[in-house]
Amino acid sequence: MNNRFSLEGRVAVITGGGTGIGRGSALVLAEHGADVVLAGRRPDPLESTAQEARALGRRALAAPTDVTDPAACRGLIDTALAEFGRIDILVNCAGGAQTKSIFTWADDEFEQVFALNFGAAWHLSRAAAPTMIEQGRGTIVNISSGASLLSMPQAAPYAAAKAAMNNLTGSMAAAWTRKGIRVNAIAVGAVRAATLTDDAARYNLDPEAIAMSNGSGRLGEPDEIGYGVLFFASDASSFCSGQTLYMHGGPGPAGI
């Protein structure tokens, strides 16, 4: 049964692959046999993660990419195909936003949040899907957020973009599952990553206290989300498409 989790011979493209959940997911996939293409804005973290994947015996490519640029998204898929000849897994992990009240968002800030947290998944999935359909199989895993399931006045554009990603997951699954592409999402809670710790420091908050409202009473670790990605990326979830899994450490006293 463990072979259901094997990714031997498969190629994964992971955005946000240099740090946090993207890095954790890339290394979990590499541990289970996948070669990886790592995309993000900063070359150094990408190359560092690529070296870790190579140490696991996998091929790895660092591909600096601005995923808010549709042309760059298409270029990333072309680069992956030119390097490895196939794409079996796409993990849309790049994301993030500022925390600020609704009236303080500038128009360009709003557009940037949607481009990063929703637009990138739209453009990359559409670019990767034709190859996956031609291959007869592929998986797309969208990294959403628990914010998409809650009212978030302090991060309204981000929460709305992630909610749009959840809906897009279902729509693409309905369009492509019969063509061999399974599409699923993970709505993550508080995870020990720079997006959370930097924001906590900005507002003089204790990151550990943020997680006390969930059932486990602790922050998640990036590799824990990575194992959720592995489930959706592998044959272990062969009968699962169009789902959004809420990984947030368990419901707290309010049942959320």
Protein backbone atom coordinates (compact mmCIF):
# COMPACT_ATOMS: atom_id res chain seq x y z
CA MET A 1 0.00 0.00 0.00
CA ASN A 2 2.91 2.36 0.58
CA ASN A 3 3.49 2.36 -3.18
CA ARG A 4 0.34 4.44 -3.51
CA PHE A 5 2.39 7.33 -2.16
CA SER A 6 5.33 6.79 -4.51
CA LEU A 7 6.09 9.61 -6.93
CA GLU A 8 8.96 7.88 -8.71
CA GLY A 9 9.31 9.13 -12.26
CA ARG A 10 7.08 12.15 -11.72
CA VAL A 11 7.90 15.84 -12.01
CA ALA A 12 6.43 18.47 -9.68
CA VAL A 13 6.33 22.23 -10.18
CA ILE A 14 6.01 24.06 -6.86
CA THR A 15 5.53 27.82 -6.61
CA GLY A 16 6.72 29.54 -3.46
CA GLY A 17 9.16 26.63 -3.36
CA GLY A 18 12.02 28.38 -1.57
CA THR A 19 10.50 28.88 1.86
CA GLY A 20 7.71 27.87 4.21
CA ILE A 21 4.99 25.54 3.00
CA GLY A 22 6.38 25.53 -0.55
CA ARG A 23 9.78 24.35 0.63
CA GLY A 24 8.24 21.82 3.02
CA SER A 25 6.03 20.43 0.26
CA ALA A 26 8.88 20.26 -2.25
CA LEU A 27 11.05 18.24 0.11
CA VAL A 28 8.25 15.84 1.06
CA LEU A 29 7.54 15.23 -2.63
CA ALA A 30 11.25 14.76 -3.32
CA GLU A 31 11.53 12.28 -0.43
CA HIS A 32 8.81 10.24 -2.14
CA GLY A 33 10.52 10.21 -5.53
CA ALA A 34 9.51 13.36 -7.42
CA ASP A 35 11.90 15.56 -9.34
CA VAL A 36 11.08 19.19 -8.58
CA VAL A 37 10.95 22.58 -10.27
CA LEU A 38 10.96 25.35 -7.69
CA ALA A 39 9.53 28.77 -8.57
CA GLY A 40 9.50 32.02 -6.62
CA ARG A 41 10.83 35.53 -6.62
CA ARG A 42 14.14 35.07 -4.77
CA PRO A 43 16.84 32.90 -6.35
CA ASP A 44 18.82 32.11 -3.18
CA PRO A 45 16.07 30.30 -1.21
CA LEU A 46 15.06 28.42 -4.35
CA GLU A 47 18.58 27.18 -4.94
CA SER A 48 18.96 26.23 -1.28
CA THR A 49 15.83 24.07 -1.45
CA ALA A 50 16.97 22.64 -4.78
CA GLN A 51 20.24 21.55 -3.19
CA GLU A 52 18.30 19.83 -0.39
CA ALA A 53 16.21 17.98 -2.97
CA ARG A 54 19.34 16.92 -4.87
CA ALA A 55 20.79 15.58 -1.61
CA LEU A 56 17.74 13.29 -1.52
CA GLY A 57 18.77 11.91 -4.91
CA ARG A 58 16.29 13.90 -6.97
CA ARG A 59 16.72 16.22 -9.91
CA ALA A 60 15.85 19.80 -9.00
CA LEU A 61 15.66 23.09 -10.86
CA ALA A 62 15.47 26.55 -9.30
CA ALA A 63 13.40 28.76 -11.63
CA PRO A 64 13.02 32.36 -10.39
CA THR A 65 9.58 33.49 -11.55
CA ASP A 66 7.19 36.36 -10.94
CA VAL A 67 3.99 34.33 -10.76
CA THR A 68 1.86 37.50 -10.84
CA ASP A 69 2.89 37.86 -14.51
CA PRO A 70 0.80 35.62 -16.82
CA ALA A 71 3.60 35.43 -19.40
CA ALA A 72 6.08 34.40 -16.71
CA CYS A 73 3.68 31.66 -15.59
CA ARG A 74 3.55 30.26 -19.09
CA GLY A 75 7.33 30.56 -19.30
CA LEU A 76 7.74 28.55 -16.09
CA ILE A 77 5.72 25.66 -17.53
CA ASP A 78 7.74 25.82 -20.76
CA THR A 79 10.98 25.76 -18.75
CA ALA A 80 9.86 22.73 -16.75
CA LEU A 81 8.91 20.86 -19.91
CA ALA A 82 12.18 21.75 -21.62
CA GLU A 83 14.19 20.54 -18.61
CA PHE A 84 12.27 17.40 -17.63
CA GLY A 85 9.98 16.60 -20.56
CA ARG A 86 6.79 16.27 -18.48
CA ILE A 87 4.79 17.80 -15.61
CA ASP A 88 2.81 15.48 -13.37
CA ILE A 89 2.16 17.68 -10.34
CA LEU A 90 1.54 21.40 -9.97
CA VAL A 91 1.49 22.87 -6.47
CA ASN A 92 0.18 26.45 -6.46
CA CYS A 93 1.67 27.57 -3.17
CA ALA A 94 2.86 31.15 -3.75
CA GLY A 95 0.78 33.59 -1.72
CA GLY A 96 0.61 36.13 1.04
CA ALA A 97 -0.71 39.59 1.83
CA GLN A 98 -0.54 42.50 4.19
CA THR A 99 -2.80 42.83 7.19
CA LYS A 100 -4.70 46.11 7.13
CA SER A 101 -8.21 47.47 7.42
CA ILE A 102 -10.53 47.57 4.42
CA PHE A 103 -10.39 51.33 3.81
CA THR A 104 -6.58 51.43 3.78
CA TRP A 105 -6.04 49.18 0.76
CA ALA A 106 -4.81 51.03 -2.34
CA ASP A 107 -6.12 49.86 -5.70
CA ASP A 108 -2.77 48.49 -6.83
CA GLU A 109 -2.33 46.61 -3.53
CA PHE A 110 -5.72 44.96 -4.00
CA GLU A 111 -4.84 43.94 -7.57
CA GLN A 112 -1.47 42.56 -6.45
CA VAL A 113 -3.05 40.38 -3.74
CA PHE A 114 -5.47 38.86 -6.24
CA ALA A 115 -2.74 38.35 -8.83
CA LEU A 116 -0.56 36.49 -6.33
CA ASN A 117 -3.18 34.47 -4.45
CA PHE A 118 -5.63 33.70 -7.25
CA GLY A 119 -4.34 34.81 -10.64
CA ALA A 120 -1.15 32.75 -10.41
CA ALA A 121 -3.11 29.54 -9.83
CA TRP A 122 -5.42 30.40 -12.74
CA HIS A 123 -2.60 31.07 -15.22
CA LEU A 124 -0.31 28.23 -14.13
CA SER A 125 -3.07 25.63 -14.07
CA ARG A 126 -4.26 26.58 -17.54
CA ALA A 127 -0.67 26.46 -18.81
CA ALA A 128 0.06 23.04 -17.28
CA ALA A 129 -3.27 21.34 -18.04
CA PRO A 130 -2.79 20.66 -21.79
CA THR A 131 0.40 18.69 -21.10
CA MET A 132 -1.27 16.74 -18.29
CA ILE A 133 -4.25 15.94 -20.54
CA GLU A 134 -1.90 14.76 -23.28
CA GLN A 135 -0.10 12.54 -20.75
CA GLY A 136 -3.43 11.17 -19.57
CA ARG A 137 -2.83 12.09 -15.94
CA GLY A 138 -1.82 14.93 -13.64
CA THR A 139 -2.59 16.50 -10.30
CA ILE A 140 -2.98 20.11 -9.23
CA VAL A 141 -2.83 21.05 -5.56
CA ASN A 142 -3.82 24.59 -4.60
CA ILE A 143 -2.62 25.94 -1.26
CA SER A 144 -5.50 27.98 0.10
CA SER A 145 -6.03 29.35 3.60
CA GLY A 146 -8.39 29.01 6.51
CA ALA A 147 -8.99 32.72 5.91
CA SER A 148 -11.04 31.66 2.88
CA LEU A 149 -13.61 30.04 5.19
CA LEU A 150 -13.90 32.88 7.70
CA SER A 151 -14.80 36.55 7.84
CA MET A 152 -11.45 38.38 7.82
CA PRO A 153 -11.89 42.19 7.95
CA GLN A 154 -8.17 42.63 8.67
CA ALA A 155 -7.21 40.73 5.49
CA ALA A 156 -10.31 40.97 3.31
CA PRO A 157 -8.70 40.89 -0.17
CA TYR A 158 -6.50 37.93 0.80
CA ALA A 159 -9.41 35.95 2.26
CA ALA A 160 -11.54 36.70 -0.81
CA ALA A 161 -8.75 35.63 -3.18
CA LYS A 162 -8.30 32.35 -1.34
CA ALA A 163 -12.06 31.77 -1.36
CA ALA A 164 -11.94 32.29 -5.12
CA MET A 165 -9.16 29.69 -5.27
CA ASN A 166 -11.38 27.18 -3.45
CA ASN A 167 -14.14 27.74 -5.98
CA LEU A 168 -11.69 27.54 -8.89
CA THR A 169 -10.49 24.20 -7.53
CA GLY A 170 -13.98 22.77 -7.89
CA SER A 171 -14.54 24.31 -11.30
CA MET A 172 -11.28 22.97 -12.73
CA ALA A 173 -11.93 19.56 -11.19
CA ALA A 174 -15.35 19.47 -12.86
CA ALA A 175 -13.77 20.43 -16.19
CA TRP A 176 -10.71 18.19 -16.11
CA THR A 177 -11.15 15.14 -13.85
CA ARG A 178 -12.53 12.99 -16.68
CA LYS A 179 -9.54 14.10 -18.75
CA GLY A 180 -7.13 12.70 -16.15
CA ILE A 181 -6.39 15.76 -14.02
CA ARG A 182 -7.39 15.75 -10.38
CA VAL A 183 -7.58 19.18 -8.74
CA ASN A 184 -7.73 19.67 -4.96
CA ALA A 185 -6.93 22.36 -2.42
CA ILE A 186 -5.66 22.60 1.14
CA ALA A 187 -6.92 25.47 3.30
CA VAL A 188 -4.14 25.85 5.85
CA GLY A 189 -4.36 27.33 9.32
CA ALA A 190 -1.53 28.94 11.28
CA VAL A 191 1.77 27.44 10.11
CA ARG A 192 5.30 28.26 11.21
CA ALA A 193 6.34 30.19 8.10
CA ALA A 194 7.68 33.67 7.41
CA THR A 195 4.29 34.94 6.23
CA LEU A 196 2.95 34.36 9.75
CA THR A 197 6.01 35.09 11.89
CA ASP A 198 6.85 38.33 10.05
CA ASP A 199 3.28 39.58 10.39
CA ALA A 200 3.24 38.65 14.08
CA ALA A 201 6.47 40.56 14.66
CA ARG A 202 5.04 43.59 12.86
CA TYR A 203 2.18 43.74 15.35
CA ASN A 204 4.21 42.59 18.38
CA LEU A 205 2.26 39.33 18.67
CA ASP A 206 3.48 35.95 19.91
CA PRO A 207 3.18 33.46 17.00
CA GLU A 208 2.60 30.62 19.43
CA ALA A 209 -0.35 32.47 20.98
CA ILE A 210 -1.98 32.80 17.55
CA ALA A 211 -2.35 29.04 17.37
CA MET A 212 -3.85 28.57 20.82
CA SER A 213 -7.36 28.87 19.37
CA ASN A 214 -7.09 25.59 17.43
CA GLY A 215 -7.60 22.11 18.83
CA SER A 216 -3.92 21.17 18.94
CA GLY A 217 -2.88 24.44 20.56
CA ARG A 218 0.23 24.82 18.42
CA LEU A 219 1.43 26.08 15.05
CA GLY A 220 1.59 23.64 12.17
CA GLU A 221 4.94 22.83 10.58
CA PRO A 222 5.48 23.27 6.82
CA ASP A 223 6.22 19.59 6.27
CA GLU A 224 2.90 18.65 7.92
CA ILE A 225 1.14 20.53 5.14
CA GLY A 226 3.59 18.88 2.74
CA TYR A 227 2.18 15.47 3.64
CA GLY A 228 -1.29 16.73 2.78
CA VAL A 229 0.13 17.82 -0.57
CA LEU A 230 1.67 14.35 -0.97
CA PHE A 231 -1.74 12.75 -0.43
CA PHE A 232 -3.38 14.83 -3.14
CA ALA A 233 -0.38 14.55 -5.50
CA SER A 234 -0.10 10.78 -5.23
CA ASP A 235 -2.27 7.82 -6.19
CA ALA A 236 -3.34 7.56 -2.54
CA SER A 237 -6.06 10.10 -3.42
CA SER A 238 -6.99 8.57 -6.77
CA PHE A 239 -10.75 8.87 -6.04
CA CYS A 240 -10.53 12.47 -4.76
CA SER A 241 -10.96 15.59 -6.90
CA GLY A 242 -12.54 18.99 -6.37
CA GLN A 243 -12.04 18.96 -2.60
CA THR A 244 -10.76 21.60 -0.18
CA LEU A 245 -9.20 20.06 2.93
CA TYR A 246 -9.01 22.30 6.02
CA MET A 247 -5.69 21.54 7.77
CA HIS A 248 -5.63 23.79 10.80
CA GLY A 249 -4.79 21.73 13.88
CA GLY A 250 -8.36 20.88 14.80
CA PRO A 251 -11.41 22.92 15.81
CA GLY A 252 -11.10 25.05 18.91
CA PRO A 253 -13.69 25.66 21.63
CA ALA A 254 -15.91 27.54 19.17
CA GLY A 255 -15.92 24.53 16.86
CA ILE A 256 -14.13 26.37 14.04
